[in-house]
Amino acid sequence: MKRKNGRIDMALAILFAGLSLGFVAWMAASPGFFDWAFARHQNQLSWYIRPLFLIPFCLAAYKRSWAGIFATVFFLLTSMLWFPVPDAAGEQVKAFLQMEKEYLLGPWTPGKILVTLLVPASLAALAAALWKRSLWLGISVLIFIAVSKLLWSVAFGGEAGLSILLPAAVGLGLCILCIVIGFRRLEKRKKKTL
């Protein structure tokens, strides 16, 4: 039974990894879809919800579910589409998203590739930390992710990059709180079953 569940988990992980790659490829190949997605991403609700995906991501890593990890990545990527275009978006929001669009559409230098690879590398480090049941290492990686995103945003977006400060801080605080509470409950439950 465990072997069957492992195969199902891996099959679902491959499916969600493929869907994620397909989504990224569609964004890259379709300027119309890319612009449509970024218009919806002006809705700051998507900015607040995105960091919260790290909670199920961490839970999936703790439970050692590849499917859960890759499903969360897929939903995180597509969450920019979930909200309608706002009636009005602040100038800082527009400026920041314009910078992100230019960054993504601009030439891909070796330095830019290395900086961009920090995203999957840091998510892999977060998953590995929780897979190994290291709460404090996981929290350290979460803080690294939030600080790195903020530094990148300010370095490339200037003052407009500060527009992510509140969503990032709120998301980081909620993630840490939920992960600490969840981790302690799961560890207690595990001890009771031993």
N, C-alpha and C. Protein backbone atom coordinates (compact mmCIF):
# COMPACT_ATOMS: atom_id res chain seq x y z
N MET A 1 0.83 -1.20 0.00
CA MET A 1 0.00 0.00 0.00
C MET A 1 0.87 1.26 0.00
N LYS A 2 1.94 1.25 0.82
CA LYS A 2 2.83 2.41 0.89
C LYS A 2 3.50 2.67 -0.45
N ARG A 3 3.89 1.57 -1.14
CA ARG A 3 4.54 1.69 -2.44
C ARG A 3 3.58 2.30 -3.47
N LYS A 4 2.30 1.88 -3.41
CA LYS A 4 1.29 2.41 -4.34
C LYS A 4 1.07 3.89 -4.09
N ASN A 5 0.97 4.27 -2.82
CA ASN A 5 0.80 5.68 -2.47
C ASN A 5 2.01 6.50 -2.94
N GLY A 6 3.19 5.93 -2.82
CA GLY A 6 4.41 6.61 -3.29
C GLY A 6 4.39 6.83 -4.79
N ARG A 7 3.89 5.85 -5.53
CA ARG A 7 3.81 5.99 -6.99
C ARG A 7 2.77 7.05 -7.38
N ILE A 8 1.65 7.05 -6.68
CA ILE A 8 0.61 8.05 -6.96
C ILE A 8 1.15 9.45 -6.64
N ASP A 9 1.82 9.58 -5.51
CA ASP A 9 2.40 10.86 -5.12
C ASP A 9 3.38 11.35 -6.20
N MET A 10 4.24 10.46 -6.67
CA MET A 10 5.23 10.84 -7.68
C MET A 10 4.56 11.18 -9.01
N ALA A 11 3.54 10.42 -9.38
CA ALA A 11 2.82 10.71 -10.63
C ALA A 11 2.16 12.08 -10.57
N LEU A 12 1.54 12.41 -9.44
CA LEU A 12 0.92 13.72 -9.28
C LEU A 12 1.98 14.82 -9.27
N ALA A 13 3.12 14.55 -8.65
CA ALA A 13 4.22 15.52 -8.64
C ALA A 13 4.68 15.82 -10.06
N ILE A 14 4.82 14.79 -10.87
CA ILE A 14 5.24 14.97 -12.27
C ILE A 14 4.19 15.77 -13.03
N LEU A 15 2.91 15.47 -12.78
CA LEU A 15 1.82 16.20 -13.43
C LEU A 15 1.89 17.69 -13.10
N PHE A 16 2.01 18.02 -11.80
CA PHE A 16 2.05 19.42 -11.39
C PHE A 16 3.34 20.12 -11.83
N ALA A 17 4.44 19.39 -11.86
CA ALA A 17 5.69 19.97 -12.38
C ALA A 17 5.51 20.31 -13.86
N GLY A 18 4.88 19.41 -14.61
CA GLY A 18 4.61 19.65 -16.02
C GLY A 18 3.66 20.82 -16.23
N LEU A 19 2.62 20.91 -15.41
CA LEU A 19 1.70 22.03 -15.50
C LEU A 19 2.41 23.35 -15.21
N SER A 20 3.30 23.34 -14.22
CA SER A 20 4.06 24.55 -13.87
C SER A 20 4.95 24.98 -15.02
N LEU A 21 5.66 24.01 -15.61
CA LEU A 21 6.53 24.32 -16.75
C LEU A 21 5.70 24.81 -17.93
N GLY A 22 4.54 24.20 -18.14
CA GLY A 22 3.64 24.63 -19.21
C GLY A 22 3.15 26.05 -18.99
N PHE A 23 2.82 26.38 -17.77
CA PHE A 23 2.36 27.73 -17.45
C PHE A 23 3.46 28.75 -17.74
N VAL A 24 4.68 28.46 -17.28
CA VAL A 24 5.81 29.36 -17.51
C VAL A 24 6.07 29.50 -19.02
N ALA A 25 6.02 28.39 -19.74
CA ALA A 25 6.24 28.42 -21.19
C ALA A 25 5.16 29.25 -21.89
N TRP A 26 3.91 29.10 -21.46
CA TRP A 26 2.81 29.86 -22.04
C TRP A 26 3.01 31.36 -21.79
N MET A 27 3.42 31.70 -20.56
CA MET A 27 3.70 33.11 -20.24
C MET A 27 4.81 33.64 -21.15
N ALA A 28 5.84 32.84 -21.37
CA ALA A 28 6.99 33.28 -22.17
C ALA A 28 6.65 33.38 -23.66
N ALA A 29 5.79 32.50 -24.13
CA ALA A 29 5.52 32.42 -25.58
C ALA A 29 4.34 33.29 -26.03
N SER A 30 3.54 33.74 -25.10
CA SER A 30 2.32 34.48 -25.47
C SER A 30 2.31 35.87 -24.84
N PRO A 31 2.77 36.87 -25.59
CA PRO A 31 2.77 38.24 -25.03
C PRO A 31 1.38 38.71 -24.58
N GLY A 32 0.34 38.30 -25.30
CA GLY A 32 -1.02 38.70 -24.90
C GLY A 32 -1.39 38.12 -23.55
N PHE A 33 -1.10 36.85 -23.34
CA PHE A 33 -1.40 36.21 -22.06
C PHE A 33 -0.54 36.81 -20.96
N PHE A 34 0.72 37.06 -21.26
CA PHE A 34 1.65 37.66 -20.30
C PHE A 34 1.11 39.01 -19.82
N ASP A 35 0.70 39.87 -20.75
CA ASP A 35 0.16 41.19 -20.38
C ASP A 35 -1.15 41.06 -19.61
N TRP A 36 -2.01 40.13 -20.05
CA TRP A 36 -3.29 39.89 -19.36
C TRP A 36 -3.04 39.46 -17.90
N ALA A 37 -2.08 38.56 -17.72
CA ALA A 37 -1.75 38.06 -16.37
C ALA A 37 -1.21 39.20 -15.50
N PHE A 38 -0.32 40.00 -16.05
CA PHE A 38 0.25 41.09 -15.24
C PHE A 38 -0.77 42.17 -14.94
N ALA A 39 -1.76 42.37 -15.80
CA ALA A 39 -2.83 43.32 -15.49
C ALA A 39 -3.61 42.85 -14.26
N ARG A 40 -3.85 41.56 -14.17
CA ARG A 40 -4.56 41.00 -13.02
C ARG A 40 -3.68 41.02 -11.77
N HIS A 41 -2.38 40.90 -11.98
CA HIS A 41 -1.44 40.89 -10.85
C HIS A 41 -1.32 42.26 -10.19
N GLN A 42 -1.90 43.30 -10.81
CA GLN A 42 -1.93 44.61 -10.17
C GLN A 42 -2.82 44.59 -8.93
N ASN A 43 -3.70 43.61 -8.84
CA ASN A 43 -4.57 43.46 -7.68
C ASN A 43 -3.70 42.98 -6.52
N GLN A 44 -3.55 43.83 -5.52
CA GLN A 44 -2.62 43.51 -4.44
C GLN A 44 -3.06 42.34 -3.58
N LEU A 45 -4.32 41.89 -3.71
CA LEU A 45 -4.71 40.68 -2.99
C LEU A 45 -3.81 39.51 -3.40
N SER A 46 -3.42 39.47 -4.67
CA SER A 46 -2.52 38.40 -5.11
C SER A 46 -1.15 38.54 -4.46
N TRP A 47 -0.75 39.75 -4.12
CA TRP A 47 0.54 39.97 -3.46
C TRP A 47 0.50 39.45 -2.02
N TYR A 48 -0.66 39.57 -1.39
CA TYR A 48 -0.79 39.10 0.00
C TYR A 48 -0.95 37.59 0.08
N ILE A 49 -1.62 37.01 -0.92
CA ILE A 49 -1.87 35.57 -0.86
C ILE A 49 -0.64 34.74 -1.23
N ARG A 50 0.21 35.27 -2.10
CA ARG A 50 1.34 34.48 -2.61
C ARG A 50 2.27 33.96 -1.51
N PRO A 51 2.68 34.79 -0.55
CA PRO A 51 3.57 34.24 0.48
C PRO A 51 2.91 33.14 1.32
N LEU A 52 1.58 33.18 1.41
CA LEU A 52 0.88 32.18 2.23
C LEU A 52 0.95 30.78 1.63
N PHE A 53 1.30 30.68 0.35
CA PHE A 53 1.47 29.36 -0.26
C PHE A 53 2.65 28.62 0.34
N LEU A 54 3.52 29.34 1.03
CA LEU A 54 4.65 28.66 1.67
C LEU A 54 4.19 27.79 2.84
N ILE A 55 3.00 28.06 3.37
CA ILE A 55 2.49 27.23 4.48
C ILE A 55 2.17 25.82 3.98
N PRO A 56 1.31 25.64 2.94
CA PRO A 56 1.10 24.27 2.47
C PRO A 56 2.36 23.66 1.85
N PHE A 57 3.21 24.49 1.28
CA PHE A 57 4.49 23.99 0.75
C PHE A 57 5.30 23.34 1.88
N CYS A 58 5.39 24.03 3.01
CA CYS A 58 6.14 23.50 4.15
C CYS A 58 5.48 22.26 4.73
N LEU A 59 4.15 22.25 4.79
CA LEU A 59 3.43 21.08 5.28
C LEU A 59 3.69 19.87 4.38
N ALA A 60 3.66 20.11 3.08
CA ALA A 60 3.92 19.02 2.13
C ALA A 60 5.34 18.49 2.30
N ALA A 61 6.29 19.40 2.50
CA ALA A 61 7.67 18.96 2.70
C ALA A 61 7.80 18.17 4.00
N TYR A 62 7.14 18.64 5.06
CA TYR A 62 7.17 17.92 6.34
C TYR A 62 6.58 16.52 6.18
N LYS A 63 5.49 16.42 5.40
CA LYS A 63 4.84 15.12 5.20
C LYS A 63 5.51 14.31 4.09
N ARG A 64 6.57 14.90 3.50
CA ARG A 64 7.36 14.25 2.45
C ARG A 64 6.49 13.86 1.26
N SER A 65 5.71 14.84 0.83
CA SER A 65 4.82 14.65 -0.33
C SER A 65 5.32 15.48 -1.50
N TRP A 66 5.89 14.80 -2.49
CA TRP A 66 6.33 15.49 -3.70
C TRP A 66 5.15 16.14 -4.40
N ALA A 67 4.03 15.45 -4.42
CA ALA A 67 2.83 15.99 -5.08
C ALA A 67 2.40 17.29 -4.41
N GLY A 68 2.40 17.30 -3.10
CA GLY A 68 2.02 18.51 -2.36
C GLY A 68 2.96 19.67 -2.65
N ILE A 69 4.25 19.39 -2.72
CA ILE A 69 5.23 20.43 -3.01
C ILE A 69 4.99 21.02 -4.40
N PHE A 70 4.89 20.15 -5.42
CA PHE A 70 4.74 20.64 -6.78
C PHE A 70 3.36 21.23 -7.06
N ALA A 71 2.33 20.72 -6.39
CA ALA A 71 0.99 21.32 -6.53
C ALA A 71 1.01 22.74 -5.98
N THR A 72 1.66 22.92 -4.83
CA THR A 72 1.74 24.24 -4.23
C THR A 72 2.50 25.21 -5.14
N VAL A 73 3.58 24.75 -5.75
CA VAL A 73 4.32 25.61 -6.69
C VAL A 73 3.42 26.02 -7.86
N PHE A 74 2.66 25.07 -8.39
CA PHE A 74 1.75 25.38 -9.50
C PHE A 74 0.71 26.43 -9.08
N PHE A 75 0.10 26.25 -7.92
CA PHE A 75 -0.91 27.19 -7.47
C PHE A 75 -0.29 28.55 -7.14
N LEU A 76 0.92 28.55 -6.62
CA LEU A 76 1.64 29.81 -6.36
C LEU A 76 1.87 30.56 -7.67
N LEU A 77 2.34 29.86 -8.69
CA LEU A 77 2.60 30.50 -9.98
C LEU A 77 1.32 31.08 -10.59
N THR A 78 0.23 30.34 -10.51
CA THR A 78 -1.00 30.77 -11.17
C THR A 78 -1.82 31.73 -10.32
N SER A 79 -1.46 31.95 -9.06
CA SER A 79 -2.27 32.80 -8.18
C SER A 79 -2.35 34.24 -8.66
N MET A 80 -1.42 34.66 -9.50
CA MET A 80 -1.49 36.03 -10.03
C MET A 80 -2.72 36.22 -10.92
N LEU A 81 -3.33 35.11 -11.35
CA LEU A 81 -4.48 35.17 -12.25
C LEU A 81 -5.82 35.12 -11.52
N TRP A 82 -5.80 34.85 -10.25
CA TRP A 82 -7.02 34.54 -9.53
C TRP A 82 -7.91 35.74 -9.23
N PHE A 83 -7.35 36.92 -9.29
CA PHE A 83 -8.10 38.11 -8.89
C PHE A 83 -8.37 39.00 -10.10
N PRO A 84 -9.48 39.74 -10.07
CA PRO A 84 -9.77 40.61 -11.22
C PRO A 84 -8.81 41.80 -11.27
N VAL A 85 -8.74 42.41 -12.44
CA VAL A 85 -7.95 43.63 -12.58
C VAL A 85 -8.57 44.67 -11.65
N PRO A 86 -7.77 45.33 -10.84
CA PRO A 86 -8.35 46.31 -9.92
C PRO A 86 -8.87 47.53 -10.67
N ASP A 87 -9.86 48.20 -10.08
CA ASP A 87 -10.39 49.43 -10.68
C ASP A 87 -9.29 50.48 -10.78
N ALA A 88 -8.47 50.53 -9.75
CA ALA A 88 -7.34 51.48 -9.74
C ALA A 88 -6.17 50.82 -9.03
N ALA A 89 -5.00 51.00 -9.58
CA ALA A 89 -3.78 50.48 -8.94
C ALA A 89 -2.87 51.66 -8.66
N GLY A 90 -2.19 51.61 -7.52
CA GLY A 90 -1.27 52.67 -7.15
C GLY A 90 -0.12 52.79 -8.13
N GLU A 91 0.45 53.98 -8.20
CA GLU A 91 1.57 54.22 -9.11
C GLU A 91 2.77 53.35 -8.76
N GLN A 92 3.01 53.13 -7.46
CA GLN A 92 4.14 52.29 -7.04
C GLN A 92 3.93 50.85 -7.51
N VAL A 93 2.70 50.37 -7.40
CA VAL A 93 2.37 49.01 -7.84
C VAL A 93 2.61 48.88 -9.33
N LYS A 94 2.10 49.84 -10.10
CA LYS A 94 2.29 49.81 -11.56
C LYS A 94 3.78 49.86 -11.92
N ALA A 95 4.52 50.74 -11.24
CA ALA A 95 5.95 50.88 -11.54
C ALA A 95 6.70 49.60 -11.21
N PHE A 96 6.35 48.97 -10.08
CA PHE A 96 7.03 47.74 -9.69
C PHE A 96 6.74 46.62 -10.68
N LEU A 97 5.48 46.46 -11.07
CA LEU A 97 5.14 45.41 -12.01
C LEU A 97 5.74 45.66 -13.39
N GLN A 98 5.84 46.92 -13.77
CA GLN A 98 6.50 47.24 -15.04
C GLN A 98 7.97 46.82 -14.98
N MET A 99 8.61 47.07 -13.85
CA MET A 99 10.00 46.64 -13.67
C MET A 99 10.11 45.13 -13.77
N GLU A 100 9.19 44.41 -13.12
CA GLU A 100 9.21 42.95 -13.17
C GLU A 100 9.03 42.45 -14.61
N LYS A 101 8.12 43.07 -15.34
CA LYS A 101 7.90 42.68 -16.74
C LYS A 101 9.16 42.91 -17.56
N GLU A 102 9.78 44.06 -17.40
CA GLU A 102 11.00 44.37 -18.14
C GLU A 102 12.13 43.42 -17.76
N TYR A 103 12.17 43.06 -16.48
CA TYR A 103 13.19 42.11 -16.01
C TYR A 103 12.99 40.76 -16.71
N LEU A 104 11.76 40.28 -16.72
CA LEU A 104 11.48 38.98 -17.30
C LEU A 104 11.64 38.96 -18.82
N LEU A 105 11.32 40.07 -19.47
CA LEU A 105 11.39 40.12 -20.93
C LEU A 105 12.75 40.58 -21.46
N GLY A 106 13.59 41.10 -20.58
CA GLY A 106 14.90 41.60 -21.00
C GLY A 106 15.88 40.47 -21.27
N PRO A 107 17.08 40.84 -21.73
CA PRO A 107 18.09 39.81 -22.04
C PRO A 107 18.50 39.02 -20.78
N TRP A 108 18.73 37.74 -20.99
CA TRP A 108 19.09 36.85 -19.87
C TRP A 108 20.61 36.67 -19.85
N THR A 109 21.25 37.48 -19.00
CA THR A 109 22.70 37.40 -18.83
C THR A 109 23.02 36.29 -17.82
N PRO A 110 24.27 35.83 -17.77
CA PRO A 110 24.63 34.83 -16.76
C PRO A 110 24.32 35.28 -15.33
N GLY A 111 24.57 36.55 -15.02
CA GLY A 111 24.27 37.06 -13.68
C GLY A 111 22.78 37.01 -13.37
N LYS A 112 21.98 37.39 -14.36
CA LYS A 112 20.52 37.38 -14.17
C LYS A 112 20.02 35.95 -13.98
N ILE A 113 20.59 35.03 -14.72
CA ILE A 113 20.20 33.62 -14.58
C ILE A 113 20.54 33.12 -13.17
N LEU A 114 21.73 33.46 -12.68
CA LEU A 114 22.13 33.04 -11.32
C LEU A 114 21.20 33.62 -10.26
N VAL A 115 20.88 34.91 -10.39
CA VAL A 115 19.99 35.54 -9.42
C VAL A 115 18.62 34.87 -9.47
N THR A 116 18.13 34.60 -10.67
CA THR A 116 16.80 33.99 -10.82
C THR A 116 16.79 32.56 -10.29
N LEU A 117 17.91 31.85 -10.42
CA LEU A 117 17.99 30.48 -9.90
C LEU A 117 17.93 30.43 -8.38
N LEU A 118 18.10 31.58 -7.71
CA LEU A 118 17.94 31.61 -6.26
C LEU A 118 16.53 31.23 -5.85
N VAL A 119 15.55 31.50 -6.72
CA VAL A 119 14.15 31.19 -6.36
C VAL A 119 13.96 29.68 -6.20
N PRO A 120 14.22 28.86 -7.24
CA PRO A 120 14.05 27.42 -7.03
C PRO A 120 15.04 26.85 -6.01
N ALA A 121 16.24 27.43 -5.94
CA ALA A 121 17.23 26.92 -4.97
C ALA A 121 16.75 27.17 -3.53
N SER A 122 16.20 28.34 -3.28
CA SER A 122 15.73 28.63 -1.92
C SER A 122 14.50 27.80 -1.57
N LEU A 123 13.62 27.57 -2.55
CA LEU A 123 12.47 26.69 -2.30
C LEU A 123 12.92 25.26 -2.03
N ALA A 124 13.93 24.81 -2.76
CA ALA A 124 14.47 23.47 -2.52
C ALA A 124 15.09 23.39 -1.13
N ALA A 125 15.79 24.44 -0.70
CA ALA A 125 16.39 24.45 0.64
C ALA A 125 15.31 24.44 1.71
N LEU A 126 14.22 25.18 1.47
CA LEU A 126 13.11 25.19 2.42
C LEU A 126 12.48 23.81 2.52
N ALA A 127 12.24 23.18 1.37
CA ALA A 127 11.65 21.84 1.36
C ALA A 127 12.58 20.85 2.06
N ALA A 128 13.87 20.94 1.79
CA ALA A 128 14.83 20.01 2.41
C ALA A 128 14.87 20.18 3.92
N ALA A 129 14.82 21.43 4.39
CA ALA A 129 14.85 21.68 5.83
C ALA A 129 13.65 21.05 6.53
N LEU A 130 12.47 21.22 5.95
CA LEU A 130 11.27 20.67 6.59
C LEU A 130 11.14 19.17 6.35
N TRP A 131 11.66 18.69 5.24
CA TRP A 131 11.70 17.25 4.97
C TRP A 131 12.50 16.56 6.06
N LYS A 132 13.59 17.23 6.47
CA LYS A 132 14.46 16.70 7.53
C LYS A 132 13.96 17.07 8.93
N ARG A 133 12.80 17.72 8.99
CA ARG A 133 12.16 18.12 10.26
C ARG A 133 12.96 19.15 11.04
N SER A 134 13.67 20.03 10.35
CA SER A 134 14.46 21.08 10.99
C SER A 134 13.66 22.39 10.94
N LEU A 135 12.92 22.64 12.00
CA LEU A 135 12.06 23.82 12.07
C LEU A 135 12.87 25.11 11.96
N TRP A 136 13.92 25.22 12.74
CA TRP A 136 14.67 26.48 12.78
C TRP A 136 15.42 26.73 11.48
N LEU A 137 15.90 25.70 10.85
CA LEU A 137 16.53 25.89 9.55
C LEU A 137 15.47 26.32 8.52
N GLY A 138 14.30 25.72 8.60
CA GLY A 138 13.20 26.11 7.71
C GLY A 138 12.82 27.56 7.90
N ILE A 139 12.70 28.01 9.14
CA ILE A 139 12.37 29.42 9.41
C ILE A 139 13.49 30.33 8.91
N SER A 140 14.73 29.91 9.08
CA SER A 140 15.85 30.71 8.58
C SER A 140 15.77 30.86 7.07
N VAL A 141 15.43 29.79 6.36
CA VAL A 141 15.29 29.86 4.91
C VAL A 141 14.12 30.76 4.53
N LEU A 142 13.01 30.67 5.27
CA LEU A 142 11.86 31.55 5.00
C LEU A 142 12.27 33.02 5.12
N ILE A 143 13.01 33.34 6.16
CA ILE A 143 13.46 34.72 6.35
C ILE A 143 14.40 35.11 5.21
N PHE A 144 15.28 34.20 4.81
CA PHE A 144 16.18 34.48 3.69
C PHE A 144 15.38 34.78 2.41
N ILE A 145 14.34 33.99 2.18
CA ILE A 145 13.50 34.19 0.98
C ILE A 145 12.86 35.58 1.01
N ALA A 146 12.27 35.94 2.14
CA ALA A 146 11.59 37.24 2.25
C ALA A 146 12.57 38.40 2.10
N VAL A 147 13.70 38.31 2.79
CA VAL A 147 14.69 39.39 2.71
C VAL A 147 15.28 39.48 1.31
N SER A 148 15.55 38.33 0.69
CA SER A 148 16.10 38.33 -0.67
C SER A 148 15.12 38.96 -1.66
N LYS A 149 13.85 38.63 -1.53
CA LYS A 149 12.83 39.20 -2.42
C LYS A 149 12.77 40.71 -2.25
N LEU A 150 12.82 41.16 -1.01
CA LEU A 150 12.77 42.60 -0.75
C LEU A 150 14.01 43.30 -1.31
N LEU A 151 15.19 42.72 -1.06
CA LEU A 151 16.43 43.32 -1.57
C LEU A 151 16.43 43.36 -3.10
N TRP A 152 16.00 42.26 -3.72
CA TRP A 152 15.92 42.23 -5.19
C TRP A 152 14.96 43.30 -5.69
N SER A 153 13.80 43.41 -5.02
CA SER A 153 12.78 44.37 -5.43
C SER A 153 13.30 45.81 -5.37
N VAL A 154 14.01 46.14 -4.30
CA VAL A 154 14.54 47.49 -4.15
C VAL A 154 15.72 47.71 -5.11
N ALA A 155 16.57 46.69 -5.27
CA ALA A 155 17.74 46.83 -6.16
C ALA A 155 17.31 47.06 -7.60
N PHE A 156 16.27 46.37 -8.05
CA PHE A 156 15.84 46.49 -9.44
C PHE A 156 14.69 47.48 -9.62
N GLY A 157 13.89 47.70 -8.56
CA GLY A 157 12.72 48.56 -8.70
C GLY A 157 12.82 49.89 -8.00
N GLY A 158 13.93 50.13 -7.28
CA GLY A 158 14.07 51.38 -6.56
C GLY A 158 12.97 51.55 -5.53
N GLU A 159 12.45 52.77 -5.46
CA GLU A 159 11.42 53.07 -4.47
C GLU A 159 10.16 52.24 -4.69
N ALA A 160 9.85 51.93 -5.95
CA ALA A 160 8.67 51.10 -6.25
C ALA A 160 8.81 49.72 -5.63
N GLY A 161 10.05 49.24 -5.46
CA GLY A 161 10.28 47.94 -4.85
C GLY A 161 9.81 47.86 -3.41
N LEU A 162 9.72 49.02 -2.76
CA LEU A 162 9.23 49.03 -1.38
C LEU A 162 7.75 48.70 -1.29
N SER A 163 7.05 48.70 -2.43
CA SER A 163 5.62 48.40 -2.42
C SER A 163 5.34 46.97 -1.98
N ILE A 164 6.34 46.11 -2.01
CA ILE A 164 6.12 44.73 -1.56
C ILE A 164 6.42 44.55 -0.07
N LEU A 165 6.91 45.59 0.59
CA LEU A 165 7.33 45.46 1.99
C LEU A 165 6.20 44.96 2.88
N LEU A 166 5.05 45.60 2.84
CA LEU A 166 3.95 45.18 3.72
C LEU A 166 3.44 43.77 3.39
N PRO A 167 3.15 43.45 2.11
CA PRO A 167 2.72 42.08 1.83
C PRO A 167 3.77 41.04 2.23
N ALA A 168 5.05 41.35 2.02
CA ALA A 168 6.11 40.40 2.38
C ALA A 168 6.19 40.22 3.89
N ALA A 169 6.10 41.32 4.64
CA ALA A 169 6.20 41.25 6.11
C ALA A 169 5.00 40.50 6.70
N VAL A 170 3.80 40.83 6.21
CA VAL A 170 2.59 40.14 6.70
C VAL A 170 2.68 38.65 6.37
N GLY A 171 3.04 38.36 5.12
CA GLY A 171 3.16 36.96 4.71
C GLY A 171 4.19 36.20 5.51
N LEU A 172 5.35 36.80 5.73
CA LEU A 172 6.41 36.14 6.50
C LEU A 172 5.95 35.88 7.94
N GLY A 173 5.34 36.89 8.55
CA GLY A 173 4.87 36.71 9.93
C GLY A 173 3.84 35.60 10.05
N LEU A 174 2.85 35.59 9.15
CA LEU A 174 1.82 34.54 9.19
C LEU A 174 2.41 33.16 8.90
N CYS A 175 3.34 33.10 7.94
CA CYS A 175 3.97 31.82 7.61
C CYS A 175 4.73 31.26 8.82
N ILE A 176 5.53 32.09 9.44
CA ILE A 176 6.32 31.62 10.58
C ILE A 176 5.39 31.15 11.70
N LEU A 177 4.38 31.95 12.00
CA LEU A 177 3.43 31.59 13.06
C LEU A 177 2.76 30.25 12.76
N CYS A 178 2.21 30.11 11.57
CA CYS A 178 1.50 28.87 11.20
C CYS A 178 2.44 27.67 11.17
N ILE A 179 3.64 27.87 10.68
CA ILE A 179 4.59 26.75 10.58
C ILE A 179 5.05 26.31 11.95
N VAL A 180 5.32 27.25 12.85
CA VAL A 180 5.72 26.88 14.22
C VAL A 180 4.60 26.13 14.91
N ILE A 181 3.38 26.65 14.82
CA ILE A 181 2.23 25.98 15.46
C ILE A 181 2.01 24.60 14.84
N GLY A 182 2.00 24.55 13.51
CA GLY A 182 1.79 23.27 12.82
C GLY A 182 2.88 22.27 13.12
N PHE A 183 4.12 22.71 13.11
CA PHE A 183 5.25 21.83 13.37
C PHE A 183 5.13 21.22 14.77
N ARG A 184 4.83 22.05 15.75
CA ARG A 184 4.72 21.55 17.14
C ARG A 184 3.57 20.55 17.27
N ARG A 185 2.45 20.82 16.62
CA ARG A 185 1.32 19.89 16.68
C ARG A 185 1.66 18.57 16.00
N LEU A 186 2.29 18.65 14.84
CA LEU A 186 2.66 17.41 14.13
C LEU A 186 3.69 16.61 14.92
N GLU A 187 4.63 17.28 15.55
CA GLU A 187 5.63 16.58 16.35
C GLU A 187 4.99 15.93 17.58
N LYS A 188 4.03 16.62 18.22
CA LYS A 188 3.32 16.03 19.37
C LYS A 188 2.54 14.80 18.95
N ARG A 189 1.86 14.92 17.81
CA ARG A 189 1.07 13.80 17.29
C ARG A 189 1.99 12.61 16.99
N LYS A 190 3.15 12.90 16.42
CA LYS A 190 4.11 11.84 16.09
C LYS A 190 4.60 11.13 17.36
N LYS A 191 4.86 11.90 18.41
CA LYS A 191 5.33 11.31 19.66
C LYS A 191 4.26 10.44 20.30
N LYS A 192 2.99 10.85 20.18
CA LYS A 192 1.89 10.07 20.75
C LYS A 192 1.74 8.72 20.05
N THR A 193 2.02 8.67 18.76
CA THR A 193 1.85 7.42 18.03
C THR A 193 3.04 6.47 18.21
N LEU A 194 4.14 6.96 18.75
CA LEU A 194 5.33 6.09 18.96
C LEU A 194 5.18 5.22 20.17
